[in-house]
Protein backbone atom coordinates (compact mmCIF):
# COMPACT_ATOMS: atom_id res chain seq x y z
CA MET A 1 0.75 57.19 51.91
CA ASN A 2 0.86 55.96 48.33
CA LEU A 3 -1.71 56.21 45.53
CA PHE A 4 -3.16 52.72 46.09
CA GLN A 5 -3.68 53.36 49.78
CA SER A 6 -5.35 56.71 49.07
CA VAL A 7 -7.76 55.15 46.54
CA VAL A 8 -8.80 52.35 48.91
CA ILE A 9 -9.33 54.77 51.81
CA SER A 10 -11.32 57.07 49.52
CA ILE A 11 -13.57 54.20 48.42
CA VAL A 12 -14.19 53.43 52.08
CA GLU A 13 -15.02 57.09 52.68
CA GLY A 14 -17.46 57.29 49.78
CA LEU A 15 -19.23 54.10 50.85
CA THR A 16 -19.52 54.96 54.53
CA GLU A 17 -19.86 58.76 54.82
CA PHE A 18 -23.65 58.68 54.62
CA LEU A 19 -24.22 55.29 56.22
CA PRO A 20 -24.68 55.15 60.03
CA ILE A 21 -21.50 53.13 60.53
CA SER A 22 -18.80 55.85 60.86
CA SER A 23 -16.71 56.77 57.85
CA THR A 24 -13.87 58.07 60.04
CA GLY A 25 -13.77 54.87 62.05
CA HIS A 26 -13.67 52.74 58.90
CA MET A 27 -10.96 54.90 57.34
CA ILE A 28 -8.82 54.62 60.47
CA ILE A 29 -9.12 50.84 60.45
CA ALA A 30 -8.56 50.65 56.67
CA GLY A 31 -5.42 52.74 57.12
CA LYS A 32 -4.17 50.37 59.84
CA PHE A 33 -4.71 47.31 57.60
CA LEU A 34 -3.02 49.04 54.66
CA GLY A 35 -0.01 49.98 56.77
CA VAL A 36 -0.49 53.74 56.43
CA GLN A 37 1.85 55.48 58.84
CA ASP A 38 0.26 57.94 61.25
CA SER A 39 1.27 61.43 60.15
CA GLU A 40 -0.19 64.89 60.01
CA PHE A 41 -0.91 64.40 56.31
CA SER A 42 -2.70 61.06 56.79
CA LYS A 43 -4.91 62.57 59.50
CA MET A 44 -5.66 65.57 57.31
CA PHE A 45 -6.33 63.30 54.31
CA THR A 46 -9.13 61.39 56.09
CA VAL A 47 -10.90 64.69 56.72
CA ALA A 48 -10.11 66.44 53.43
CA ILE A 49 -11.45 63.68 51.15
CA GLN A 50 -14.83 63.99 52.84
CA LEU A 51 -15.20 67.13 50.73
CA GLY A 52 -15.50 64.91 47.66
CA ALA A 53 -18.24 62.87 49.31
CA ILE A 54 -20.29 65.88 50.37
CA LEU A 55 -20.03 67.40 46.90
CA ALA A 56 -22.08 64.40 45.82
CA VAL A 57 -24.89 65.80 47.99
CA VAL A 58 -24.64 69.19 46.27
CA VAL A 59 -24.88 67.54 42.84
CA LEU A 60 -27.78 65.23 43.73
CA TYR A 61 -29.71 68.01 45.48
CA TRP A 62 -28.52 70.90 43.32
CA LYS A 63 -31.99 72.46 43.06
CA LYS A 64 -32.09 72.78 46.84
CA PHE A 65 -28.58 74.17 47.22
CA PHE A 66 -28.87 76.67 44.39
CA ASP A 67 -32.33 77.99 45.17
CA PHE A 68 -31.12 81.37 46.39
CA SER A 69 -34.69 82.55 46.95
CA ASN A 70 -34.95 80.13 49.89
CA LEU A 71 -32.80 82.03 52.42
CA LYS A 72 -34.24 80.08 55.34
CA PHE A 73 -32.62 76.88 54.04
CA TYR A 74 -29.13 78.39 54.28
CA LEU A 75 -29.87 79.90 57.69
CA LYS A 76 -31.01 76.52 59.01
CA LEU A 77 -27.76 74.94 57.84
CA LEU A 78 -25.85 77.76 59.52
CA ALA A 79 -27.72 77.13 62.78
CA GLY A 80 -26.96 73.43 62.50
CA VAL A 81 -23.24 73.82 61.86
CA ILE A 82 -22.53 76.34 64.66
CA PRO A 83 -22.16 73.71 67.43
CA ALA A 84 -19.63 71.70 65.38
CA ILE A 85 -17.55 74.80 64.58
CA ILE A 86 -17.41 75.90 68.22
CA LEU A 87 -16.60 72.47 69.68
CA GLY A 88 -14.19 71.66 66.84
CA LEU A 89 -12.13 74.77 67.56
CA ILE A 90 -12.14 74.08 71.32
CA PHE A 91 -11.36 70.36 71.21
CA GLY A 92 -9.41 70.10 67.95
CA LYS A 93 -6.23 68.64 69.51
CA GLU A 94 -8.16 66.09 71.57
CA ILE A 95 -10.06 65.01 68.45
CA ASP A 96 -6.79 64.55 66.53
CA ARG A 97 -5.48 62.28 69.30
CA LEU A 98 -8.62 60.16 69.15
CA LEU A 99 -8.04 59.67 65.42
CA GLU A 100 -5.07 57.45 66.34
CA SER A 101 -7.07 55.12 68.61
CA SER A 102 -8.34 51.85 67.18
CA THR A 103 -9.75 50.94 70.60
CA THR A 104 -11.91 54.07 70.65
CA VAL A 105 -13.32 53.15 67.24
CA ALA A 106 -14.08 49.57 68.31
CA ILE A 107 -15.86 50.61 71.50
CA THR A 108 -17.93 53.36 69.87
CA LEU A 109 -18.90 51.02 67.03
CA LEU A 110 -20.17 48.54 69.62
CA VAL A 111 -22.05 51.05 71.75
CA GLY A 112 -23.50 52.84 68.73
CA GLY A 113 -24.51 49.53 67.19
CA ALA A 114 -26.44 48.49 70.29
CA PHE A 115 -28.23 51.84 70.17
CA LEU A 116 -29.16 51.46 66.48
CA VAL A 117 -30.67 48.02 67.04
CA PHE A 118 -33.45 49.59 69.11
CA ILE A 119 -33.60 53.12 67.66
CA ASP A 120 -36.46 52.43 65.24
CA LYS A 121 -38.81 51.89 68.20
CA ALA A 122 -37.51 54.82 70.23
CA PHE A 123 -39.05 57.69 68.27
CA THR A 124 -42.65 57.33 67.22
CA ASN A 125 -45.25 59.62 65.63
CA PRO A 126 -42.94 61.73 63.42
CA LYS A 127 -44.57 64.95 62.27
CA ILE A 128 -41.98 66.65 60.06
CA GLU A 129 -41.73 65.34 56.50
CA SER A 130 -39.56 67.96 54.80
CA GLU A 131 -36.81 70.49 55.47
CA LYS A 132 -39.27 73.39 55.13
CA GLN A 133 -41.02 72.31 58.34
CA ILE A 134 -37.81 72.29 60.40
CA SER A 135 -37.36 75.28 62.72
CA PHE A 136 -34.08 77.08 63.45
CA ILE A 137 -34.08 75.72 67.01
CA GLN A 138 -34.55 72.18 65.73
CA SER A 139 -31.68 72.70 63.26
CA PHE A 140 -29.45 73.84 66.13
CA ILE A 141 -30.41 70.83 68.28
CA ILE A 142 -29.69 68.42 65.41
CA GLY A 143 -26.33 70.18 65.07
CA ILE A 144 -25.62 69.43 68.73
CA TRP A 145 -26.39 65.76 68.13
CA GLN A 146 -24.03 65.82 65.16
CA CYS A 147 -21.16 66.83 67.46
CA LEU A 148 -21.20 63.36 69.01
CA ALA A 149 -19.49 62.22 65.82
CA MET A 150 -16.33 64.10 66.80
CA VAL A 151 -15.51 60.86 68.62
CA PRO A 152 -14.26 58.44 65.91
CA GLY A 153 -16.61 55.52 65.40
CA VAL A 154 -19.80 57.34 66.39
CA SER A 155 -20.89 58.28 62.81
CA ARG A 156 -21.89 61.78 61.83
CA SER A 157 -24.82 60.59 59.75
CA ALA A 158 -26.14 58.32 62.53
CA ALA A 159 -25.86 61.07 65.16
CA SER A 160 -27.55 63.73 63.02
CA ILE A 161 -30.28 61.38 61.71
CA ILE A 162 -31.09 60.23 65.24
CA GLY A 163 -31.07 63.87 66.32
CA GLY A 164 -33.55 64.60 63.56
CA MET A 165 -35.81 61.73 64.57
CA GLN A 166 -35.68 62.94 68.16
CA GLN A 167 -36.96 66.25 66.81
CA LYS A 168 -39.95 64.47 65.22
CA LEU A 169 -38.57 64.20 61.67
CA THR A 170 -39.44 61.14 59.60
CA ARG A 171 -36.59 58.81 58.68
CA HIS A 172 -36.51 60.20 55.15
CA ALA A 173 -36.57 63.85 56.27
CA ALA A 174 -33.94 63.20 58.96
CA ALA A 175 -31.64 61.45 56.48
CA GLU A 176 -31.95 64.22 53.90
CA PHE A 177 -31.34 66.98 56.44
CA SER A 178 -28.32 65.02 57.69
CA PHE A 179 -26.98 65.06 54.12
CA PHE A 180 -27.65 68.79 53.77
CA LEU A 181 -25.97 69.53 57.11
CA ALA A 182 -22.91 67.53 56.06
CA VAL A 183 -22.08 70.09 53.38
CA PRO A 184 -21.24 73.14 55.55
CA THR A 185 -19.97 70.95 58.39
CA MET A 186 -17.44 69.01 56.33
CA ALA A 187 -16.59 72.00 54.13
CA ALA A 188 -15.62 73.92 57.27
CA ALA A 189 -13.66 70.95 58.68
CA THR A 190 -11.84 70.40 55.37
CA GLY A 191 -11.02 74.06 54.94
CA TYR A 192 -9.65 74.26 58.47
CA LYS A 193 -7.53 71.11 58.08
CA LEU A 194 -6.11 72.23 54.72
CA PHE A 195 -5.28 75.69 56.06
CA LYS A 196 -3.70 74.23 59.19
CA HIS A 197 -1.57 71.81 57.16
CA TYR A 198 -0.50 74.58 54.79
CA LYS A 199 0.40 76.88 57.67
CA GLU A 200 2.38 74.25 59.58
CA THR A 201 4.24 72.74 56.60
CA GLY A 202 4.57 75.74 54.33
CA GLY A 203 2.59 74.17 51.50
CA PHE A 204 1.68 70.93 49.77
CA THR A 205 4.03 68.69 47.84
CA GLY A 206 3.12 67.57 44.33
CA GLN A 207 2.46 64.06 45.66
CA GLU A 208 0.14 65.37 48.37
CA VAL A 209 -1.87 67.39 45.85
CA LYS A 210 -2.16 64.31 43.64
CA LEU A 211 -3.36 62.12 46.51
CA LEU A 212 -5.93 64.70 47.61
CA ALA A 213 -7.24 65.21 44.06
CA VAL A 214 -7.58 61.48 43.34
CA GLY A 215 -9.01 60.83 46.79
CA ASN A 216 -11.73 63.45 46.47
CA LEU A 217 -12.67 62.29 42.98
CA VAL A 218 -13.00 58.66 44.07
CA ALA A 219 -14.98 59.60 47.20
CA PHE A 220 -17.32 61.74 45.09
CA VAL A 221 -18.15 58.99 42.59
CA VAL A 222 -18.65 56.29 45.23
CA ALA A 223 -20.74 58.58 47.47
CA MET A 224 -23.12 59.33 44.58
CA ILE A 225 -24.03 55.65 44.53
CA ALA A 226 -24.12 55.23 48.31
CA ILE A 227 -26.53 58.13 48.93
CA LYS A 228 -29.17 56.80 46.56
CA PHE A 229 -28.86 53.33 48.06
CA PHE A 230 -29.11 54.49 51.67
CA ILE A 231 -32.23 56.64 51.32
CA SER A 232 -34.13 53.74 49.73
CA PHE A 233 -32.79 51.15 52.18
CA LEU A 234 -33.50 53.27 55.26
CA GLN A 235 -37.13 53.81 54.31
CA LYS A 236 -37.70 50.07 53.85
CA HIS A 237 -35.57 48.51 56.58
CA GLY A 238 -34.64 51.08 59.21
CA PHE A 239 -31.46 51.02 61.31
CA LYS A 240 -31.41 47.54 62.87
CA ILE A 241 -29.20 45.86 60.28
CA TRP A 242 -26.63 48.65 60.59
CA GLY A 243 -26.65 48.16 64.35
CA TYR A 244 -25.84 44.46 63.99
CA TYR A 245 -23.12 45.31 61.47
CA ARG A 246 -21.50 47.79 63.87
CA ILE A 247 -21.61 45.30 66.75
CA ALA A 248 -19.99 42.58 64.62
CA VAL A 249 -17.23 44.90 63.35
CA GLY A 250 -16.63 46.26 66.86
CA ILE A 251 -16.20 42.77 68.29
CA ILE A 252 -13.86 41.72 65.47
CA LEU A 253 -11.76 44.86 65.98
CA LEU A 254 -11.46 44.28 69.72
CA VAL A 255 -10.28 40.71 69.06
CA LEU A 256 -7.72 41.92 66.50
CA ILE A 257 -6.48 44.60 68.91
CA TRP A 258 -6.27 42.06 71.75
CA LYS A 259 -4.30 39.66 69.52
CA GLY A 260 -1.96 42.46 68.47
CA TYR A 261 -2.86 42.50 64.79
CA ILE A 262 -3.97 46.13 65.04
CA ALA A 263 -2.28 48.70 67.25
């Protein structure tokens, strides 16, 4: 992976991490188009640069994250991240294998897109308008929904937002809690991947450190813009347009795979 490839993939990450269209799926496809060779570093890179994107959440919602008098907030995030930690440790190798599959991404984009087209009508009468009204059990259930995103192409934000709406959260509250939950979830995933890479390779080369630093910086800046856009757009328009987008991209990918343009 060279610097240009890392910047493009990081832009894709920043744009898509908080949209319900799957950042991992888009990064996999972007990597295929850019000719990035599958390697342990490239797989780790697509996870590690998500740290830059989630730091954008911490900056935008810094009052929430640094209000140490609100212990319940941190405990809710802990409850929400437990399912992902457990399943990630159990199925880590299987997840890594799925990261190589363009077909998996195409199919999950299609299926998830069809679901999003109708999701706005599926959950009615939301009652929870802020994080303070969310219970620990509801946080845990939303965390279970989030685990669906371990399959590339599903979308972590879509899974957790839908999980929130299923638990009677408004769109806005579900989206914000999805952002909050991304912080411990992706921090844990990034930390694990970095430690695993360090342990297996004996360290990072100067080029790898450079790519990770630039990648996280780019993802952070782009994600700052994307978060503000998505919250406003979701409140006004819902999920339907994202569903159509996913279906279109999924169909295009299947055609490209069938024609042999993408492996």
